[in-house]
């Protein structure tokens, strides 16, 4: 692109069709700037003393600015060590803007030593005003960290994860607002631009952009809804539309999940707020339903013994703390019932609640230990577990003899006898 522009400028004719010379566009522009600024008079109307004064002012502006910046930063470190956090942020945020402000003031003093034309006087004033305005808005930009610090202290008492999500959003929004206001102020007061016409044009453009960016606006409002309603936080384990994983980040447009297979998925926030989200990190307990099947030939005494074995296991010192809620109790205690005569087995159902419900791996380990203890107890009590079977009873089985009766009017066929 640069080569094409260079070739285009180079190809511009320097003579008119009738032979009269025509200045090159760039040279013509430079000549206009030279005549407007009247640089010839600048050079001839100012002696060496004026130029030395300007250079000295620039030098001391840079030097004093750097010294002031170092002093402010060291004072900020001392105040931070004394737990004066807000005062430390005020001084630390002033370090760089103060350097620019001091340089601007001394630069203005240096310009004042020169005899300048009206155009150059206007340019020098604009440069000084620009540096001062930049320093002021830079300082406002930096002290947003005070708002960030205050919000962190306020919200950390309630939900630290929420602080990590909400505070950066507030910080970025305030700094973007200060940047826009500062830019508009500089355009109007330093460069004499008509901001009203700009804002009117931006309003029309904003309407067109908003119509074209409806999905982005929906996601933005979805983000605000997530921050305010807090259906989940960063670090939570959630399940959304068969996406099961950990929340890694909540952005302005989407939420990123790290699935358990290692892959990452980004879900638009506008979709999340319109569907159900299952949050596993908030559950105080995990309920387990355990079905124990016994064979149909198990005598009632063994069934009662099996129920008692399970109840005793739930009261064991190594199991009981995880099966009863911490104070105050919520009434969720282990329950054991002989609840069903199944098609192939006698069923005992066990309900228990594991505390705390936020530790999934501890829950799996507890189930494993409980299952092994149940097997060992049943084996010791000679209680068998049932499995799907079908039993065929034979007439000659000595344990289960079958007796067939013949109707009274059937005298021709005597009843069979057992072999």
Protein backbone atom coordinates (compact mmCIF):
# COMPACT_ATOMS: atom_id res chain seq x y z
CA UNK A 1 0.00 0.00 0.00
CA UNK A 2 2.81 2.45 0.90
CA UNK A 3 4.60 1.68 -2.37
CA UNK A 4 1.39 2.34 -4.34
CA UNK A 5 0.88 5.71 -2.64
CA UNK A 6 4.54 6.63 -3.28
CA UNK A 7 4.21 5.70 -6.97
CA UNK A 8 0.98 7.68 -7.23
CA UNK A 9 2.57 10.79 -5.75
CA UNK A 10 5.66 10.36 -7.85
CA UNK A 11 3.54 10.09 -10.97
CA UNK A 12 1.80 13.43 -10.28
CA UNK A 13 2.70 15.83 -13.09
CA UNK A 14 4.91 18.72 -12.08
CA UNK A 15 4.09 20.82 -15.15
CA UNK A 16 0.79 22.07 -16.43
CA UNK A 17 -0.52 21.07 -19.84
CA UNK A 18 0.66 24.42 -21.24
CA UNK A 19 4.17 24.03 -19.84
CA UNK A 20 3.80 26.08 -16.62
CA UNK A 21 5.31 24.36 -13.52
CA UNK A 22 2.87 22.79 -11.04
CA UNK A 23 4.11 22.13 -7.46
CA UNK A 24 4.09 18.63 -6.09
CA UNK A 25 1.10 18.00 -3.68
CA UNK A 26 3.37 17.21 -0.72
CA UNK A 27 5.61 20.17 -1.40
CA UNK A 28 2.55 22.38 -1.76
CA UNK A 29 1.26 21.20 1.62
CA UNK A 30 4.61 21.81 3.32
CA UNK A 31 4.81 25.29 1.77
CA UNK A 32 1.36 26.14 3.13
CA UNK A 33 2.35 24.98 6.62
CA UNK A 34 5.59 26.97 6.40
CA UNK A 35 3.78 30.15 5.41
CA UNK A 36 1.08 29.74 8.06
CA UNK A 37 3.53 29.11 10.90
CA UNK A 38 5.94 31.75 9.59
CA UNK A 39 8.96 29.73 10.66
CA UNK A 40 11.34 32.21 9.01
CA UNK A 41 10.38 34.92 11.49
CA UNK A 42 10.63 32.35 14.32
CA UNK A 43 14.24 31.68 13.49
CA UNK A 44 15.25 35.32 12.89
CA UNK A 45 13.31 36.92 15.76
CA UNK A 46 14.71 34.69 18.53
CA UNK A 47 18.27 34.71 19.67
CA UNK A 48 20.38 32.01 21.23
CA UNK A 49 19.31 32.97 24.73
CA UNK A 50 15.64 32.28 23.96
CA UNK A 51 16.43 28.89 22.45
CA UNK A 52 18.69 27.98 25.38
CA UNK A 53 15.86 28.95 27.75
CA UNK A 54 13.47 26.62 25.90
CA UNK A 55 15.93 23.72 25.96
CA UNK A 56 16.66 24.35 29.64
CA UNK A 57 12.95 24.39 30.45
CA UNK A 58 12.44 21.08 28.61
CA UNK A 59 15.43 19.53 30.40
CA UNK A 60 14.31 20.61 33.86
CA UNK A 61 10.75 19.60 33.04
CA UNK A 62 11.87 16.04 32.32
CA UNK A 63 14.25 16.00 35.30
CA UNK A 64 11.83 17.42 37.88
CA UNK A 65 9.04 15.23 36.57
CA UNK A 66 11.17 12.11 37.02
CA UNK A 67 12.23 13.20 40.53
CA UNK A 68 8.64 13.89 41.55
CA UNK A 69 7.55 10.51 40.16
CA UNK A 70 10.20 8.66 42.19
CA UNK A 71 9.30 10.56 45.39
CA UNK A 72 5.58 9.87 44.97
CA UNK A 73 6.16 6.16 44.38
CA UNK A 74 8.37 5.82 47.47
CA UNK A 75 5.81 7.64 49.60
CA UNK A 76 3.13 5.33 48.23
CA UNK A 77 5.19 2.27 49.21
CA UNK A 78 5.60 3.59 52.76
CA UNK A 79 1.90 4.35 53.08
CA UNK A 80 1.06 0.88 51.78
CA UNK A 81 3.35 -0.61 54.40
CA UNK A 82 1.46 1.33 57.05
CA UNK A 83 -1.87 -0.01 55.72
CA UNK A 84 -2.89 3.39 54.33
CA UNK A 85 -4.13 1.77 51.15
CA UNK A 86 -6.29 4.57 49.73
CA UNK A 87 -3.66 7.25 50.32
CA UNK A 88 -1.04 4.99 48.75
CA UNK A 89 -3.20 4.54 45.67
CA UNK A 90 -3.72 8.31 45.41
CA UNK A 91 0.03 9.00 45.40
CA UNK A 92 0.97 6.05 43.19
CA UNK A 93 -1.66 7.05 40.64
CA UNK A 94 -0.25 10.59 40.57
CA UNK A 95 3.32 9.51 39.76
CA UNK A 96 3.14 9.34 35.96
CA UNK A 97 0.46 12.04 35.40
CA UNK A 98 2.40 14.37 37.71
CA UNK A 99 5.49 13.85 35.59
CA UNK A 100 3.57 14.89 32.46
CA UNK A 101 1.98 17.90 34.24
CA UNK A 102 5.35 19.24 35.46
CA UNK A 103 6.83 18.85 31.99
CA UNK A 104 3.83 20.69 30.48
CA UNK A 105 4.19 23.63 32.88
CA UNK A 106 7.92 24.06 32.24
CA UNK A 107 7.37 23.58 28.52
CA UNK A 108 4.88 26.45 28.64
CA UNK A 109 7.48 28.57 30.46
CA UNK A 110 9.99 27.75 27.73
CA UNK A 111 7.56 28.67 24.95
CA UNK A 112 6.92 31.97 26.71
CA UNK A 113 10.57 32.91 26.26
CA UNK A 114 10.20 32.83 22.48
CA UNK A 115 8.77 35.48 20.20
CA UNK A 116 6.11 33.54 18.31
CA UNK A 117 3.73 34.32 15.53
CA UNK A 118 0.01 34.11 16.14
CA UNK A 119 -0.19 30.66 14.57
CA UNK A 120 2.77 29.32 16.55
CA UNK A 121 1.42 30.83 19.76
CA UNK A 122 -1.85 28.98 19.18
CA UNK A 123 0.04 25.73 18.50
CA UNK A 124 2.19 26.10 21.64
CA UNK A 125 -0.86 26.79 23.79
CA UNK A 126 -2.62 23.75 22.35
CA UNK A 127 0.40 21.54 23.08
CA UNK A 128 0.56 22.69 26.70
CA UNK A 129 -3.19 22.38 27.21
CA UNK A 130 -3.12 18.93 25.62
CA UNK A 131 -0.41 17.71 28.00
CA UNK A 132 -2.20 19.16 31.04
CA UNK A 133 -5.53 17.60 30.04
CA UNK A 134 -3.87 14.26 29.34
CA UNK A 135 -2.23 14.35 32.77
CA UNK A 136 -5.54 15.18 34.48
CA UNK A 137 -7.55 12.46 32.82
CA UNK A 138 -4.66 10.01 33.23
CA UNK A 139 -4.83 10.64 36.97
CA UNK A 140 -8.60 10.05 36.99
CA UNK A 141 -7.97 6.87 34.99
CA UNK A 142 -5.48 5.65 37.60
CA UNK A 143 -7.52 6.42 40.72
CA UNK A 144 -10.24 4.10 39.52
CA UNK A 145 -8.11 1.59 41.45
CA UNK A 146 -9.46 3.21 44.64
CA UNK A 147 -12.99 2.24 43.63
CA UNK A 148 -11.70 -1.24 42.80
CA UNK A 149 -10.01 -1.51 46.21
CA UNK A 150 -13.15 -0.34 48.04
CA UNK A 151 -15.39 -2.77 46.17
CA UNK A 152 -13.05 -5.65 46.91
CA UNK A 153 -13.11 -4.87 50.61
CA UNK A 154 -16.89 -4.56 50.59
CA UNK A 155 -17.66 -7.69 48.57
CA UNK A 156 -14.93 -9.95 49.95
CA UNK A 157 -16.93 -10.29 53.15
CA UNK A 158 -19.73 -11.99 51.26
CA UNK A 159 -18.41 -13.84 48.20
CA UNK A 160 -14.79 -13.79 47.09
CA UNK A 161 -15.48 -15.44 43.74
CA UNK A 162 -18.12 -12.82 42.97
CA UNK A 163 -15.52 -10.15 43.71
CA UNK A 164 -13.15 -11.65 41.16
CA UNK A 165 -15.87 -11.45 38.51
CA UNK A 166 -17.67 -8.18 39.25
CA UNK A 167 -14.85 -5.83 40.27
CA UNK A 168 -12.84 -6.13 37.01
CA UNK A 169 -16.03 -5.39 35.05
CA UNK A 170 -16.62 -2.20 37.09
CA UNK A 171 -12.98 -1.17 36.69
CA UNK A 172 -13.01 -1.61 32.92
CA UNK A 173 -16.34 0.20 32.56
CA UNK A 174 -15.21 3.23 34.60
CA UNK A 175 -11.90 3.49 32.78
CA UNK A 176 -13.61 3.24 29.40
CA UNK A 177 -16.02 6.00 30.48
CA UNK A 178 -13.15 8.26 31.60
CA UNK A 179 -11.29 7.61 28.34
CA UNK A 180 -14.32 8.58 26.25
CA UNK A 181 -15.07 11.71 28.30
CA UNK A 182 -11.41 12.75 28.21
CA UNK A 183 -11.18 12.26 24.46
CA UNK A 184 -14.33 14.31 23.82
CA UNK A 185 -13.14 17.05 26.17
CA UNK A 186 -9.74 17.30 24.46
CA UNK A 187 -11.33 17.33 21.01
CA UNK A 188 -13.61 20.21 21.96
CA UNK A 189 -11.30 22.36 24.12
CA UNK A 190 -7.90 21.71 22.56
CA UNK A 191 -8.69 21.02 18.91
CA UNK A 192 -11.89 23.16 18.77
CA UNK A 193 -14.03 20.42 17.29
CA UNK A 194 -17.83 20.55 17.33
CA UNK A 195 -18.62 17.69 19.70
CA UNK A 196 -22.38 18.25 19.37
CA UNK A 197 -22.31 17.30 15.70
CA UNK A 198 -20.09 14.34 16.53
CA UNK A 199 -22.49 13.13 19.21
CA UNK A 200 -25.45 13.49 16.87
CA UNK A 201 -23.64 11.46 14.25
CA UNK A 202 -22.61 8.92 16.87
CA UNK A 203 -26.25 8.64 17.95
CA UNK A 204 -27.35 7.71 14.45
CA UNK A 205 -24.39 5.40 14.04
CA UNK A 206 -25.07 3.91 17.46
CA UNK A 207 -28.63 3.11 16.44
CA UNK A 208 -27.39 1.30 13.34
CA UNK A 209 -24.74 -0.51 15.36
CA UNK A 210 -27.24 -1.53 18.03
CA UNK A 211 -29.54 -3.00 15.40
CA UNK A 212 -26.63 -4.93 13.92
CA UNK A 213 -25.31 -6.02 17.32
CA UNK A 214 -28.46 -7.27 19.00
CA UNK A 215 -26.85 -10.58 19.93
CA UNK A 216 -23.90 -8.80 21.54
CA UNK A 217 -26.24 -6.60 23.58
CA UNK A 218 -28.21 -9.68 24.65
CA UNK A 219 -24.98 -11.29 25.81
CA UNK A 220 -24.00 -8.12 27.68
CA UNK A 221 -27.31 -8.04 29.56
CA UNK A 222 -26.92 -11.76 30.15
CA UNK A 223 -23.55 -11.04 31.75
CA UNK A 224 -25.10 -8.45 34.06
CA UNK A 225 -27.82 -10.94 34.98
CA UNK A 226 -25.22 -13.57 35.86
CA UNK A 227 -23.30 -11.10 38.03
CA UNK A 228 -26.42 -9.96 39.87
CA UNK A 229 -28.25 -13.28 40.20
CA UNK A 230 -25.11 -15.40 40.66
CA UNK A 231 -26.38 -18.77 39.41
CA UNK A 232 -22.72 -19.83 39.45
CA UNK A 233 -19.27 -18.41 40.08
CA UNK A 234 -15.82 -18.93 38.66
CA UNK A 235 -14.52 -22.29 39.84
CA UNK A 236 -17.97 -23.87 40.23
CA UNK A 237 -18.87 -27.25 38.75
CA UNK A 238 -22.02 -26.86 36.65
CA UNK A 239 -24.06 -28.80 34.13
CA UNK A 240 -25.67 -26.83 31.31
CA UNK A 241 -27.37 -28.47 28.34
CA UNK A 242 -25.22 -31.63 28.73
CA UNK A 243 -22.06 -29.53 29.11
CA UNK A 244 -20.55 -30.76 32.36
CA UNK A 245 -17.46 -28.98 33.62
CA UNK A 246 -15.82 -26.23 35.65
CA UNK A 247 -16.43 -22.51 35.08
CA UNK A 248 -13.12 -20.98 34.03
CA UNK A 249 -14.17 -17.42 33.18
CA UNK A 250 -17.25 -15.24 32.85
CA UNK A 251 -16.70 -12.68 30.10
CA UNK A 252 -18.77 -9.87 28.68
CA UNK A 253 -20.02 -12.08 25.86
CA UNK A 254 -19.72 -15.69 26.96
CA UNK A 255 -18.88 -18.07 29.78
CA UNK A 256 -16.02 -20.54 29.28
CA UNK A 257 -16.35 -24.06 30.68
CA UNK A 258 -13.53 -26.56 31.01
CA UNK A 259 -15.12 -29.94 30.40
CA UNK A 260 -13.87 -33.05 32.16
CA UNK A 261 -12.43 -34.43 28.93
CA UNK A 262 -10.07 -31.44 28.85
CA UNK A 263 -11.77 -29.46 26.11
CA UNK A 264 -13.12 -25.92 26.57
CA UNK A 265 -16.51 -24.65 25.44
CA UNK A 266 -17.73 -21.04 25.31
CA UNK A 267 -21.46 -20.54 25.89
CA UNK A 268 -23.17 -17.20 25.09
CA UNK A 269 -24.41 -15.58 28.27
CA UNK A 270 -27.77 -14.79 26.70
CA UNK A 271 -28.39 -18.53 26.32
CA UNK A 272 -27.33 -19.34 29.87
CA UNK A 273 -29.81 -16.96 31.50
CA UNK A 274 -32.67 -18.45 29.49
CA UNK A 275 -32.07 -22.10 30.45
CA UNK A 276 -31.69 -24.11 33.62
CA UNK A 277 -28.18 -24.44 35.04
CA UNK A 278 -27.38 -27.23 37.51
CA UNK A 279 -24.78 -26.00 40.01
CA UNK A 280 -23.06 -28.81 41.91
CA UNK A 281 -20.91 -26.43 43.95
CA UNK A 282 -23.84 -25.11 46.00
CA UNK A 283 -25.29 -28.39 47.25
CA UNK A 284 -24.85 -28.95 51.01
CA UNK A 285 -25.22 -32.74 50.67
CA UNK A 286 -25.38 -35.56 48.12
CA UNK A 287 -28.25 -38.02 48.41
CA UNK A 288 -27.64 -41.68 47.59
CA UNK A 289 -30.29 -44.32 46.97
CA UNK A 290 -28.87 -47.82 47.53
CA UNK A 291 -30.95 -50.88 46.60
CA UNK A 292 -29.97 -54.17 48.26
CA UNK A 293 -31.48 -57.31 46.72
CA UNK A 294 -31.86 -60.57 48.67
CA UNK A 295 -32.89 -63.98 47.27
CA UNK A 296 -36.52 -65.04 47.69
CA UNK A 297 -35.56 -67.98 49.88
CA UNK A 298 -34.10 -65.61 52.52
CA UNK A 299 -35.98 -66.22 55.80
CA UNK A 300 -37.58 -63.25 57.61
CA UNK A 301 -35.01 -63.41 60.40
CA UNK A 302 -32.20 -62.88 57.90
CA UNK A 303 -34.08 -59.96 56.33
CA UNK A 304 -34.37 -58.29 59.73
CA UNK A 305 -30.70 -59.00 60.35
CA UNK A 306 -29.77 -57.43 57.00
CA UNK A 307 -31.74 -54.28 57.87
CA UNK A 308 -30.04 -54.12 61.26
CA UNK A 309 -26.60 -54.54 59.67
CA UNK A 310 -27.18 -51.55 57.39
CA UNK A 311 -28.47 -49.43 60.28
CA UNK A 312 -25.44 -50.35 62.37
CA UNK A 313 -23.11 -49.43 59.52
CA UNK A 314 -24.70 -45.98 59.32
CA UNK A 315 -23.93 -45.49 63.02
CA UNK A 316 -20.31 -46.60 62.82
CA UNK A 317 -17.90 -43.90 64.07
CA UNK A 318 -16.08 -43.70 60.73
CA UNK A 319 -19.33 -43.38 58.74
CA UNK A 320 -21.66 -41.42 61.01
CA UNK A 321 -20.00 -37.96 60.75
CA UNK A 322 -20.60 -37.91 56.98
CA UNK A 323 -24.22 -39.12 57.24
CA UNK A 324 -25.52 -36.48 59.66
CA UNK A 325 -25.70 -32.79 58.89
CA UNK A 326 -23.52 -30.37 60.84
CA UNK A 327 -25.27 -28.23 63.46
CA UNK A 328 -28.00 -27.22 63.31
CA UNK A 329 -29.37 -30.62 62.22
CA UNK A 330 -31.73 -30.62 59.26
CA UNK A 331 -33.47 -33.95 59.90
CA UNK A 332 -31.82 -35.79 57.03
CA UNK A 333 -30.73 -39.05 58.64
CA UNK A 334 -30.14 -42.49 57.06
CA UNK A 335 -33.32 -44.49 56.34
CA UNK A 336 -33.50 -48.27 55.75
CA UNK A 337 -36.69 -50.08 54.64
CA UNK A 338 -37.72 -53.48 53.32
CA UNK A 339 -39.75 -51.85 50.61
CA UNK A 340 -40.49 -54.21 47.73
CA UNK A 341 -41.17 -57.78 46.68
CA UNK A 342 -39.53 -57.70 43.31
CA UNK A 343 -39.90 -60.07 40.40
CA UNK A 344 -36.69 -61.89 41.23
CA UNK A 345 -35.61 -60.58 44.64
CA UNK A 346 -36.56 -59.09 47.98
CA UNK A 347 -35.46 -55.44 47.98
CA UNK A 348 -34.14 -53.31 50.81
CA UNK A 349 -33.76 -49.60 50.02
CA UNK A 350 -31.29 -47.35 51.82
CA UNK A 351 -31.38 -43.53 51.71
CA UNK A 352 -28.54 -41.54 53.13
CA UNK A 353 -27.13 -38.03 52.70
CA UNK A 354 -23.42 -37.44 52.43
CA UNK A 355 -21.95 -34.25 53.95
CA UNK A 356 -20.36 -32.08 52.65
CA UNK A 357 -21.94 -32.19 49.20
CA UNK A 358 -19.24 -30.09 47.56
CA UNK A 359 -16.58 -32.81 47.63
CA UNK A 360 -17.45 -35.30 44.88
CA UNK A 361 -14.30 -37.39 45.25
CA UNK A 362 -14.80 -37.77 49.00
CA UNK A 363 -18.35 -38.92 48.26
CA UNK A 364 -17.12 -41.64 45.89
CA UNK A 365 -14.50 -42.77 48.39
CA UNK A 366 -17.16 -42.94 51.13
CA UNK A 367 -19.45 -45.06 48.94
CA UNK A 368 -16.62 -47.46 48.22
CA UNK A 369 -15.81 -47.93 51.90
CA UNK A 370 -19.49 -48.32 52.77
CA UNK A 371 -20.02 -50.93 50.04
CA UNK A 372 -16.99 -52.96 51.13
CA UNK A 373 -18.12 -52.86 54.76
CA UNK A 374 -21.59 -54.02 53.70
CA UNK A 375 -20.17 -56.96 51.74
CA UNK A 376 -18.00 -58.01 54.65
CA UNK A 377 -20.89 -57.79 57.13
CA UNK A 378 -23.25 -59.78 54.90
CA UNK A 379 -20.60 -62.43 54.27
CA UNK A 380 -20.00 -62.77 57.99
CA UNK A 381 -23.76 -63.11 58.62
CA UNK A 382 -24.16 -65.65 55.76
CA UNK A 383 -26.58 -63.35 53.90
CA UNK A 384 -26.47 -63.64 50.12
CA UNK A 385 -27.12 -60.99 47.53
CA UNK A 386 -29.67 -61.75 44.86
CA UNK A 387 -29.11 -61.60 41.16
CA UNK A 388 -31.64 -62.04 38.35
CA UNK A 389 -32.45 -65.78 38.24
CA UNK A 390 -35.27 -68.15 37.34
CA UNK A 391 -35.89 -71.28 39.42
CA UNK A 392 -37.43 -74.45 37.94
CA UNK A 393 -39.03 -76.71 40.57
CA UNK A 394 -38.98 -80.43 39.79
CA UNK A 395 -41.46 -82.96 41.21
CA UNK A 396 -38.61 -85.12 42.48
CA UNK A 397 -36.85 -82.36 44.44
CA UNK A 398 -36.73 -83.68 48.07
CA UNK A 399 -36.53 -80.07 49.40
CA UNK A 400 -39.52 -78.83 47.45
CA UNK A 401 -41.91 -81.76 46.92
CA UNK A 402 -44.91 -81.20 44.70
CA UNK A 403 -48.26 -82.82 45.42
CA UNK A 404 -50.75 -83.11 42.59
CA UNK A 405 -54.41 -83.63 43.35
CA UNK A 406 -56.76 -85.48 40.99
CA UNK A 407 -60.40 -84.46 40.70
CA UNK A 408 -62.86 -86.93 42.42
CA UNK A 409 -64.47 -88.03 39.15
CA UNK A 410 -61.18 -89.13 37.67
CA UNK A 411 -61.01 -92.74 38.91
CA UNK A 412 -59.46 -94.07 35.75
CA UNK A 413 -56.20 -92.33 36.39
CA UNK A 414 -54.76 -92.79 39.88
CA UNK A 415 -52.51 -89.98 41.14
CA UNK A 416 -48.86 -90.45 40.41
CA UNK A 417 -46.55 -91.32 43.19
CA UNK A 418 -43.18 -89.82 43.78
CA UNK A 419 -40.33 -92.00 42.62
